[in-house]
C-alpha atoms as a PDB file:
ATOM      1  CA  MET A   1     -18.819  10.094 -27.726  1.00  0.00           C
ATOM      2  CA  GLU A   2     -16.268   8.721 -25.276  1.00  0.00           C
ATOM      3  CA  ARG A   3     -17.403   6.213 -22.670  1.00  0.00           C
ATOM      4  CA  PRO A   4     -17.133   7.664 -19.134  1.00  0.00           C
ATOM      5  CA  GLU A   5     -14.475   6.172 -16.872  1.00  0.00           C
ATOM      6  CA  PRO A   6     -15.866   3.675 -14.352  1.00  0.00           C
ATOM      7  CA  GLU A   7     -16.222   4.957 -10.790  1.00  0.00           C
ATOM      8  CA  GLU A   8     -13.553   3.939  -8.296  1.00  0.00           C
ATOM      9  CA  ARG A   9     -15.076   1.626  -5.697  1.00  0.00           C
ATOM     10  CA  GLU A  10     -13.877   0.008  -2.487  1.00  0.00           C
ATOM     11  CA  ASP A  11     -16.067  -3.082  -2.900  1.00  0.00           C
ATOM     12  CA  LEU A  12     -14.571  -4.291  -6.187  1.00  0.00           C
ATOM     13  CA  LEU A  13     -11.356  -6.041  -7.127  1.00  0.00           C
ATOM     14  CA  ALA A  14     -10.387  -6.060 -10.779  1.00  0.00           C
ATOM     15  CA  GLY A  15      -7.663  -8.128 -12.399  1.00  0.00           C
ATOM     16  CA  ARG A  16      -6.323 -11.637 -12.016  1.00  0.00           C
ATOM     17  CA  GLN A  17      -3.581 -11.108  -9.418  1.00  0.00           C
ATOM     18  CA  PRO A  18      -5.683  -9.065  -6.960  1.00  0.00           C
ATOM     19  CA  VAL A  19      -8.555 -11.566  -7.174  1.00  0.00           C
ATOM     20  CA  MET A  20      -6.169 -14.525  -6.791  1.00  0.00           C
ATOM     21  CA  GLU A  21      -4.559 -13.024  -3.675  1.00  0.00           C
ATOM     22  CA  ALA A  22      -7.958 -12.207  -2.181  1.00  0.00           C
ATOM     23  CA  LEU A  23      -8.964 -15.854  -2.588  1.00  0.00           C
ATOM     24  CA  LYS A  24      -5.703 -17.072  -1.055  1.00  0.00           C
ATOM     25  CA  SER A  25      -5.972 -14.729   1.917  1.00  0.00           C
ATOM     26  CA  GLY A  26      -9.530 -15.739   2.728  1.00  0.00           C
ATOM     27  CA  ARG A  27     -11.069 -12.298   2.152  1.00  0.00           C
ATOM     28  CA  ALA A  28     -14.854 -12.301   1.961  1.00  0.00           C
ATOM     29  CA  ILE A  29     -15.925 -12.452  -1.714  1.00  0.00           C
ATOM     30  CA  ASN A  30     -19.620 -12.131  -2.523  1.00  0.00           C
ATOM     31  CA  LYS A  31     -19.363 -13.171  -6.175  1.00  0.00           C
ATOM     32  CA  LEU A  32     -17.057 -13.344  -9.179  1.00  0.00           C
ATOM     33  CA  VAL A  33     -17.910 -11.901 -12.575  1.00  0.00           C
ATOM     34  CA  ILE A  34     -15.949 -13.109 -15.605  1.00  0.00           C
ATOM     35  CA  ALA A  35     -16.061 -12.047 -19.230  1.00  0.00           C
ATOM     36  CA  LYS A  36     -17.628 -14.533 -21.615  1.00  0.00           C
ATOM     37  CA  GLY A  37     -14.966 -16.799 -23.062  1.00  0.00           C
ATOM     38  CA  ALA A  38     -12.351 -15.830 -20.446  1.00  0.00           C
ATOM     39  CA  ARG A  39     -11.332 -19.282 -19.254  1.00  0.00           C
ATOM     40  CA  GLU A  40      -7.649 -19.373 -20.111  1.00  0.00           C
ATOM     41  CA  GLY A  41      -4.551 -19.323 -17.910  1.00  0.00           C
ATOM     42  CA  SER A  42      -4.891 -18.124 -14.339  1.00  0.00           C
ATOM     43  CA  ILE A  43      -8.638 -17.516 -14.669  1.00  0.00           C
ATOM     44  CA  ARG A  44      -9.167 -21.261 -14.791  1.00  0.00           C
ATOM     45  CA  GLU A  45      -7.263 -21.597 -11.513  1.00  0.00           C
ATOM     46  CA  ILE A  46      -9.238 -18.727  -9.956  1.00  0.00           C
ATOM     47  CA  LEU A  47     -12.547 -20.308 -10.954  1.00  0.00           C
ATOM     48  CA  GLY A  48     -11.488 -23.611  -9.410  1.00  0.00           C
ATOM     49  CA  MET A  49     -10.630 -21.902  -6.113  1.00  0.00           C
ATOM     50  CA  ALA A  50     -13.917 -19.990  -6.170  1.00  0.00           C
ATOM     51  CA  ARG A  51     -15.951 -23.144  -6.708  1.00  0.00           C
ATOM     52  CA  ASP A  52     -14.140 -24.854  -3.843  1.00  0.00           C
ATOM     53  CA  LYS A  53     -15.138 -21.951  -1.589  1.00  0.00           C
ATOM     54  CA  GLY A  54     -18.723 -21.899  -2.844  1.00  0.00           C
ATOM     55  CA  ILE A  55     -18.444 -18.411  -4.333  1.00  0.00           C
ATOM     56  CA  PRO A  56     -21.094 -17.608  -6.982  1.00  0.00           C
ATOM     57  CA  ILE A  57     -19.729 -17.042 -10.496  1.00  0.00           C
ATOM     58  CA  THR A  58     -21.458 -14.977 -13.172  1.00  0.00           C
ATOM     59  CA  GLU A  59     -20.435 -14.781 -16.831  1.00  0.00           C
ATOM     60  CA  LEU A  60     -21.195 -11.535 -18.684  1.00  0.00           C
ATOM     61  CA  GLU A  61     -20.167  -9.717 -21.850  1.00  0.00           C
ATOM     62  CA  ARG A  62     -16.784  -8.004 -21.569  1.00  0.00           C
ATOM     63  CA  THR A  63     -18.417  -4.624 -22.253  1.00  0.00           C
ATOM     64  CA  VAL A  64     -20.374  -4.991 -19.009  1.00  0.00           C
ATOM     65  CA  LEU A  65     -17.140  -5.504 -17.069  1.00  0.00           C
ATOM     66  CA  ASP A  66     -15.671  -2.456 -18.851  1.00  0.00           C
ATOM     67  CA  GLN A  67     -18.386  -0.342 -17.224  1.00  0.00           C
ATOM     68  CA  GLU A  68     -17.451  -1.644 -13.762  1.00  0.00           C
ATOM     69  CA  ALA A  69     -13.669  -1.335 -13.667  1.00  0.00           C
ATOM     70  CA  ARG A  70     -10.566  -0.402 -15.616  1.00  0.00           C
ATOM     71  CA  HIS A  71      -8.072  -3.040 -16.757  1.00  0.00           C
ATOM     72  CA  HIS A  72     -10.080  -5.927 -15.337  1.00  0.00           C
ATOM     73  CA  GLN A  73      -8.336  -8.650 -17.421  1.00  0.00           C
ATOM     74  CA  GLY A  74     -11.656 -10.440 -17.799  1.00  0.00           C
ATOM     75  CA  ILE A  75     -12.453 -10.846 -14.090  1.00  0.00           C
ATOM     76  CA  ILE A  76     -14.004  -8.790 -11.280  1.00  0.00           C
ATOM     77  CA  ALA A  77     -14.698  -9.775  -7.689  1.00  0.00           C
ATOM     78  CA  HIS A  78     -17.406  -8.163  -5.560  1.00  0.00           C
ATOM     79  CA  VAL A  79     -15.817  -8.079  -2.122  1.00  0.00           C
ATOM     80  CA  ALA A  80     -16.217  -6.687   1.350  1.00  0.00           C
ATOM     81  CA  PRO A  81     -14.282  -3.390   1.573  1.00  0.00           C
ATOM     82  CA  VAL A  82     -10.799  -3.588   3.073  1.00  0.00           C
ATOM     83  CA  ALA A  83     -11.004  -4.109   6.821  1.00  0.00           C
ATOM     84  CA  TYR A  84      -8.961  -1.225   8.173  1.00  0.00           C
ATOM     85  CA  VAL A  85      -7.157  -1.807  11.467  1.00  0.00           C
ATOM     86  CA  GLU A  86      -6.274   0.385  14.420  1.00  0.00           C
ATOM     87  CA  VAL A  87      -2.725   1.715  14.787  1.00  0.00           C
ATOM     88  CA  GLU A  88      -2.441  -0.289  18.020  1.00  0.00           C
ATOM     89  CA  GLU A  89      -2.956  -3.493  16.031  1.00  0.00           C
ATOM     90  CA  ILE A  90       0.005  -2.632  13.796  1.00  0.00           C
ATOM     91  CA  LEU A  91       2.215  -2.118  16.835  1.00  0.00           C
ATOM     92  CA  GLU A  92       0.961  -5.377  18.355  1.00  0.00           C
ATOM     93  CA  LYS A  93       1.879  -7.213  15.149  1.00  0.00           C
ATOM     94  CA  ALA A  94       5.475  -6.013  15.466  1.00  0.00           C
ATOM     95  CA  LYS A  95       5.563  -6.972  19.157  1.00  0.00           C
ATOM     96  CA  ALA A  96       4.202 -10.453  18.423  1.00  0.00           C
ATOM     97  CA  LYS A  97       6.983 -10.980  15.874  1.00  0.00           C
ATOM     98  CA  GLY A  98       9.646  -9.694  18.263  1.00  0.00           C
ATOM     99  CA  GLU A  99      10.673  -6.977  15.807  1.00  0.00           C
ATOM    100  CA  PRO A 100      11.128  -3.203  16.136  1.00  0.00           C
ATOM    101  CA  PRO A 101       7.976  -1.605  14.676  1.00  0.00           C
ATOM    102  CA  PHE A 102       8.213  -0.337  11.123  1.00  0.00           C
ATOM    103  CA  VAL A 103       5.252   1.752   9.978  1.00  0.00           C
ATOM    104  CA  LEU A 104       4.784   3.570   6.666  1.00  0.00           C
ATOM    105  CA  LEU A 105       2.674   6.754   6.749  1.00  0.00           C
ATOM    106  CA  LEU A 106       1.338   8.272   3.519  1.00  0.00           C
ATOM    107  CA  ASP A 107       0.606  11.990   3.601  1.00  0.00           C
ATOM    108  CA  GLY A 108      -1.460  13.549   0.830  1.00  0.00           C
ATOM    109  CA  LEU A 109      -1.002  10.824  -1.777  1.00  0.00           C
ATOM    110  CA  GLU A 110      -4.053  10.555  -4.000  1.00  0.00           C
ATOM    111  CA  ASP A 111      -2.781   8.719  -7.084  1.00  0.00           C
ATOM    112  CA  PRO A 112      -4.068   5.145  -6.678  1.00  0.00           C
ATOM    113  CA  HIS A 113      -1.128   3.723  -8.636  1.00  0.00           C
ATOM    114  CA  ASN A 114       1.381   5.353  -6.269  1.00  0.00           C
ATOM    115  CA  ILE A 115      -0.551   4.200  -3.208  1.00  0.00           C
ATOM    116  CA  GLY A 116      -0.792   0.658  -4.570  1.00  0.00           C
ATOM    117  CA  ALA A 117       2.891   0.537  -5.474  1.00  0.00           C
ATOM    118  CA  LEU A 118       3.865   1.754  -1.996  1.00  0.00           C
ATOM    119  CA  LEU A 119       1.655  -0.877  -0.354  1.00  0.00           C
ATOM    120  CA  ARG A 120       3.327  -3.533  -2.486  1.00  0.00           C
ATOM    121  CA  THR A 121       6.789  -2.327  -1.490  1.00  0.00           C
ATOM    122  CA  ALA A 122       5.820  -1.991   2.178  1.00  0.00           C
ATOM    123  CA  GLU A 123       4.650  -5.601   2.243  1.00  0.00           C
ATOM    124  CA  GLY A 124       7.836  -6.776   0.550  1.00  0.00           C
ATOM    125  CA  ALA A 125      10.082  -4.684   2.796  1.00  0.00           C
ATOM    126  CA  GLY A 126       8.576  -6.100   5.978  1.00  0.00           C
ATOM    127  CA  ALA A 127       6.535  -3.114   7.145  1.00  0.00           C
ATOM    128  CA  HIS A 128       4.186  -4.049   9.954  1.00  0.00           C
ATOM    129  CA  GLY A 129       1.518  -1.721   8.629  1.00  0.00           C
ATOM    130  CA  VAL A 130       0.628   1.362   6.626  1.00  0.00           C
ATOM    131  CA  VAL A 131      -1.238   4.453   7.810  1.00  0.00           C
ATOM    132  CA  ILE A 132      -3.301   6.578   5.433  1.00  0.00           C
ATOM    133  CA  PRO A 133      -5.399   9.661   6.214  1.00  0.00           C
ATOM    134  CA  LYS A 134      -9.158   9.825   5.771  1.00  0.00           C
ATOM    135  CA  ARG A 135      -8.631  13.273   4.254  1.00  0.00           C
ATOM    136  CA  ARG A 136      -5.752  14.299   1.972  1.00  0.00           C
ATOM    137  CA  GLY A 137      -5.426  10.711   0.818  1.00  0.00           C
ATOM    138  CA  GLY A 138      -6.991   7.997  -1.253  1.00  0.00           C
ATOM    139  CA  ALA A 139      -9.106   5.060  -0.192  1.00  0.00           C
ATOM    140  CA  ILE A 140      -8.193   1.461  -1.018  1.00  0.00           C
ATOM    141  CA  THR A 141     -10.058   1.140  -4.310  1.00  0.00           C
ATOM    142  CA  SER A 142      -9.881  -1.506  -7.038  1.00  0.00           C
ATOM    143  CA  THR A 143      -7.122   0.444  -8.821  1.00  0.00           C
ATOM    144  CA  VAL A 144      -5.056   0.648  -5.618  1.00  0.00           C
ATOM    145  CA  ALA A 145      -5.534  -3.083  -5.044  1.00  0.00           C
ATOM    146  CA  LYS A 146      -4.469  -3.908  -8.600  1.00  0.00           C
ATOM    147  CA  ALA A 147      -1.399  -1.646  -8.404  1.00  0.00           C
ATOM    148  CA  SER A 148      -0.453  -3.342  -5.133  1.00  0.00           C
ATOM    149  CA  ALA A 149      -0.413  -6.759  -6.873  1.00  0.00           C
ATOM    150  CA  GLY A 150      -2.496  -8.174  -4.047  1.00  0.00           C
ATOM    151  CA  ALA A 151      -0.459  -6.695  -1.176  1.00  0.00           C
ATOM    152  CA  VAL A 152      -3.619  -5.093   0.267  1.00  0.00           C
ATOM    153  CA  GLU A 153      -4.605  -8.600   1.392  1.00  0.00           C
ATOM    154  CA  TYR A 154      -1.528  -8.961   3.589  1.00  0.00           C
ATOM    155  CA  VAL A 155      -0.332  -5.597   4.904  1.00  0.00           C
ATOM    156  CA  PRO A 156      -2.462  -4.072   7.714  1.00  0.00           C
ATOM    157  CA  ILE A 157      -3.797  -0.620   6.816  1.00  0.00           C
ATOM    158  CA  ALA A 158      -4.985   1.965   9.324  1.00  0.00           C
ATOM    159  CA  ARG A 159      -7.071   4.897   8.099  1.00  0.00           C
ATOM    160  CA  VAL A 160      -6.873   7.755  10.576  1.00  0.00           C
ATOM    161  CA  THR A 161      -8.538  11.124  11.035  1.00  0.00           C
ATOM    162  CA  ASN A 162      -5.423  13.034  12.094  1.00  0.00           C
ATOM    163  CA  LEU A 163      -1.908  12.066  10.993  1.00  0.00           C
ATOM    164  CA  VAL A 164      -0.267  14.493  13.423  1.00  0.00           C
ATOM    165  CA  GLN A 165      -2.010  12.831  16.369  1.00  0.00           C
ATOM    166  CA  THR A 166      -1.037   9.419  15.002  1.00  0.00           C
ATOM    167  CA  VAL A 167       2.601  10.500  14.781  1.00  0.00           C
ATOM    168  CA  GLY A 168       2.370  11.559  18.444  1.00  0.00           C
ATOM    169  CA  GLN A 169       0.952   8.143  19.297  1.00  0.00           C
ATOM    170  CA  LEU A 170       3.791   6.401  17.475  1.00  0.00           C
ATOM    171  CA  LYS A 171       6.372   8.558  19.244  1.00  0.00           C
ATOM    172  CA  LYS A 172       4.919   7.607  22.610  1.00  0.00           C
ATOM    173  CA  ALA A 173       5.280   3.976  21.538  1.00  0.00           C
ATOM    174  CA  GLY A 174       9.004   4.584  21.004  1.00  0.00           C
ATOM    175  CA  LEU A 175       9.154   5.052  17.240  1.00  0.00           C
ATOM    176  CA  TRP A 176      11.472   7.539  15.579  1.00  0.00           C
ATOM    177  CA  ILE A 177       9.643   9.499  12.882  1.00  0.00           C
ATOM    178  CA  ILE A 178      11.592   9.972   9.653  1.00  0.00           C
ATOM    179  CA  GLY A 179      10.241  12.137   6.850  1.00  0.00           C
ATOM    180  CA  SER A 180      11.268  12.389   3.232  1.00  0.00           C
ATOM    181  CA  ALA A 181      11.974  15.973   2.096  1.00  0.00           C
ATOM    182  CA  MET A 182      13.722  17.223  -1.027  1.00  0.00           C
ATOM    183  CA  ASP A 183      15.486  20.044   0.834  1.00  0.00           C
ATOM    184  CA  ALA A 184      16.709  17.999   3.814  1.00  0.00           C
ATOM    185  CA  PRO A 185      20.499  18.294   4.225  1.00  0.00           C
ATOM    186  CA  GLN A 186      20.953  14.669   5.301  1.00  0.00           C
ATOM    187  CA  PRO A 187      20.909  12.020   2.527  1.00  0.00           C
ATOM    188  CA  TYR A 188      18.800   8.974   3.335  1.00  0.00           C
ATOM    189  CA  PHE A 189      21.737   6.532   3.303  1.00  0.00           C
ATOM    190  CA  ARG A 190      23.290   8.313   6.310  1.00  0.00           C
ATOM    191  CA  GLN A 191      20.171   7.891   8.427  1.00  0.00           C
ATOM    192  CA  ASP A 192      19.826   5.014  10.876  1.00  0.00           C
ATOM    193  CA  PHE A 193      16.672   3.080   9.926  1.00  0.00           C
ATOM    194  CA  LYS A 194      17.322  -0.043  12.009  1.00  0.00           C
ATOM    195  CA  GLY A 195      15.280   0.692  15.143  1.00  0.00           C
ATOM    196  CA  PRO A 196      11.558   1.370  15.616  1.00  0.00           C
ATOM    197  CA  VAL A 197      10.679   3.657  12.719  1.00  0.00           C
ATOM    198  CA  GLY A 198       7.702   5.528  11.343  1.00  0.00           C
ATOM    199  CA  LEU A 199       8.525   6.601   7.774  1.00  0.00           C
ATOM    200  CA  ILE A 200       6.482   9.410   6.204  1.00  0.00           C
ATOM    201  CA  VAL A 201       6.219   9.751   2.428  1.00  0.00           C
ATOM    202  CA  GLY A 202       4.446  12.847   1.113  1.00  0.00           C
ATOM    203  CA  SER A 203       2.789  13.676  -2.175  1.00  0.00           C
ATOM    204  CA  GLU A 204       4.878  14.424  -5.253  1.00  0.00           C
ATOM    205  CA  GLY A 205       3.661  17.974  -5.661  1.00  0.00           C
ATOM    206  CA  LYS A 206       3.621  19.251  -2.077  1.00  0.00           C
ATOM    207  CA  GLY A 207       5.625  16.714  -0.099  1.00  0.00           C
ATOM    208  CA  ILE A 208       4.929  16.295   3.613  1.00  0.00           C
ATOM    209  CA  SER A 209       2.571  18.898   5.060  1.00  0.00           C
ATOM    210  CA  PRO A 210       4.355  21.645   7.068  1.00  0.00           C
ATOM    211  CA  LEU A 211       2.676  20.700  10.363  1.00  0.00           C
ATOM    212  CA  LEU A 212       3.563  17.034   9.993  1.00  0.00           C
ATOM    213  CA  ARG A 213       7.089  17.946   8.994  1.00  0.00           C
ATOM    214  CA  GLU A 214       7.526  19.797  12.290  1.00  0.00           C
ATOM    215  CA  HIS A 215       6.786  16.565  14.140  1.00  0.00           C
ATOM    216  CA  CYS A 216       9.475  14.537  12.352  1.00  0.00           C
ATOM    217  CA  ASP A 217      12.524  13.545  14.370  1.00  0.00           C
ATOM    218  CA  HIS A 218      14.634  13.378  11.209  1.00  0.00           C
ATOM    219  CA  LEU A 219      14.255  14.583   7.629  1.00  0.00           C
ATOM    220  CA  VAL A 220      16.142  12.872   4.827  1.00  0.00           C
ATOM    221  CA  SER A 221      16.597  13.578   1.141  1.00  0.00           C
ATOM    222  CA  ILE A 222      17.383  11.529  -1.935  1.00  0.00           C
ATOM    223  CA  PRO A 223      20.314  13.077  -3.827  1.00  0.00           C
ATOM    224  CA  MET A 224      19.434  13.943  -7.423  1.00  0.00           C
ATOM    225  CA  GLY A 225      22.113  14.219 -10.092  1.00  0.00           C
ATOM    226  CA  GLY A 226      20.014  15.215 -13.089  1.00  0.00           C
ATOM    227  CA  LYS A 227      17.780  18.088 -14.118  1.00  0.00           C
ATOM    228  CA  VAL A 228      14.661  16.589 -12.514  1.00  0.00           C
ATOM    229  CA  ASP A 229      14.540  17.579  -8.837  1.00  0.00           C
ATOM    230  CA  SER A 230      12.502  14.717  -7.386  1.00  0.00           C
ATOM    231  CA  LEU A 231      11.457  11.110  -7.859  1.00  0.00           C
ATOM    232  CA  ASN A 232       8.021   9.603  -8.194  1.00  0.00           C
ATOM    233  CA  ALA A 233       6.594   9.145  -4.672  1.00  0.00           C
ATOM    234  CA  SER A 234       6.409   5.372  -4.947  1.00  0.00           C
ATOM    235  CA  VAL A 235      10.008   5.150  -6.180  1.00  0.00           C
ATOM    236  CA  ALA A 236      11.251   7.443  -3.408  1.00  0.00           C
ATOM    237  CA  GLY A 237       9.361   5.435  -0.806  1.00  0.00           C
ATOM    238  CA  ALA A 238      10.803   2.197  -2.160  1.00  0.00           C
ATOM    239  CA  LEU A 239      14.362   3.528  -1.873  1.00  0.00           C
ATOM    240  CA  LEU A 240      13.829   4.537   1.744  1.00  0.00           C
ATOM    241  CA  MET A 241      12.109   1.308   2.764  1.00  0.00           C
ATOM    242  CA  TYR A 242      14.774  -0.852   1.198  1.00  0.00           C
ATOM    243  CA  GLU A 243      17.528   1.207   2.794  1.00  0.00           C
ATOM    244  CA  ARG A 244      16.096  -0.092   6.057  1.00  0.00           C
ATOM    245  CA  VAL A 245      16.152  -3.644   4.688  1.00  0.00           C
ATOM    246  CA  ARG A 246      19.784  -3.164   3.632  1.00  0.00           C
ATOM    247  CA  GLN A 247      20.812  -1.840   7.035  1.00  0.00           C
ATOM    248  CA  LEU A 248      19.081  -4.669   8.894  1.00  0.00           C
ATOM    249  CA  GLN A 249      20.661  -7.317   6.678  1.00  0.00           C
ATOM    250  CA  GLU A 250      24.076  -5.671   6.966  1.00  0.00           C
ATOM    251  CA  GLY A 251      23.706  -5.600  10.756  1.00  0.00           C
ATOM    252  CA  ALA A 252      22.698  -9.276  10.836  1.00  0.00           C
ATOM    253  CA  THR A 253      25.720 -10.207   8.714  1.00  0.00           C
ATOM    254  CA  THR A 254      28.062  -8.240  11.000  1.00  0.00           C
ATOM    255  CA  GLN A 255      26.752 -10.099  14.071  1.00  0.00           C
ATOM    256  CA  GLN A 256      27.418 -13.525  12.558  1.00  0.00           C
END
C-alpha cells in the first residue's frame, strides 16, 4: 500500500535553502525538526543559526519528516504563515526606491512549482511585488517556498479577492498592464517594458481569464518555432520579466 502524500501546508518550510533563507530574513520560526543523523553540510550551519536565535530543535526519525513534507532534505521548520501585504505596500516599496513600479500578477496558476519558480524569478528580476488571487490560484505552501529557493522571504506577496479590481487599482496608480497571450500579434520583444508595469502571467492550460484579458493595455506573445505551441508558465514569465531587465539595462547604457 502506497503512503499518502503529505498535505500541503502554509506553516511549514521544508528543505535546506528555504529554511536557511527564512533564518536570514528574520521570519518567525517556532521550531526546527531535523532527521536523526542529519548534521552534515548546510544543516550544521542552519542549526548554529537556530541556536543563536534561541529556536527549539527537535530530532526525529526521517520517516516522521516524510509524513510532514515532500523532499525535506532532512530538515523542516514550523513557521508563521507568509505575511501577505496590501497592494499599496508594493507600490510604496517602488516609490521608496525611486523606481517605476513593477508588479507580477499570477492568474489561475495552481502548480506550486510554477508559482515558486515565478517568485524566484520575480525577486531576481527586481519586481517590487507579486499578486496572487485567493481563488483560482495557489497559496504559499512549503512546496512553493522550496521551488522559490527562499525568494518568498524577500519578495512582497499580496493575496487579493478580485484580480480585475486590483488591475483597476494598478491602472489608477499609473501602471500599464501587459498580459501574456499565445495569440497576441505583438511579440514580447517589441513591447516597451521600461515604465511602470503590471505583468500578468496566466495558467498553462487556459491562459489569462477572458475578463482580465479585456483589462490589459497590451497583449504580447512569445514566438514559437517548433511543434509545441506554448512554454511552461514559469519559463514564459521569466522571459517576459527579463526582457524588462534587458530594456532597462540597455537604456542605462545608452544614457552613459
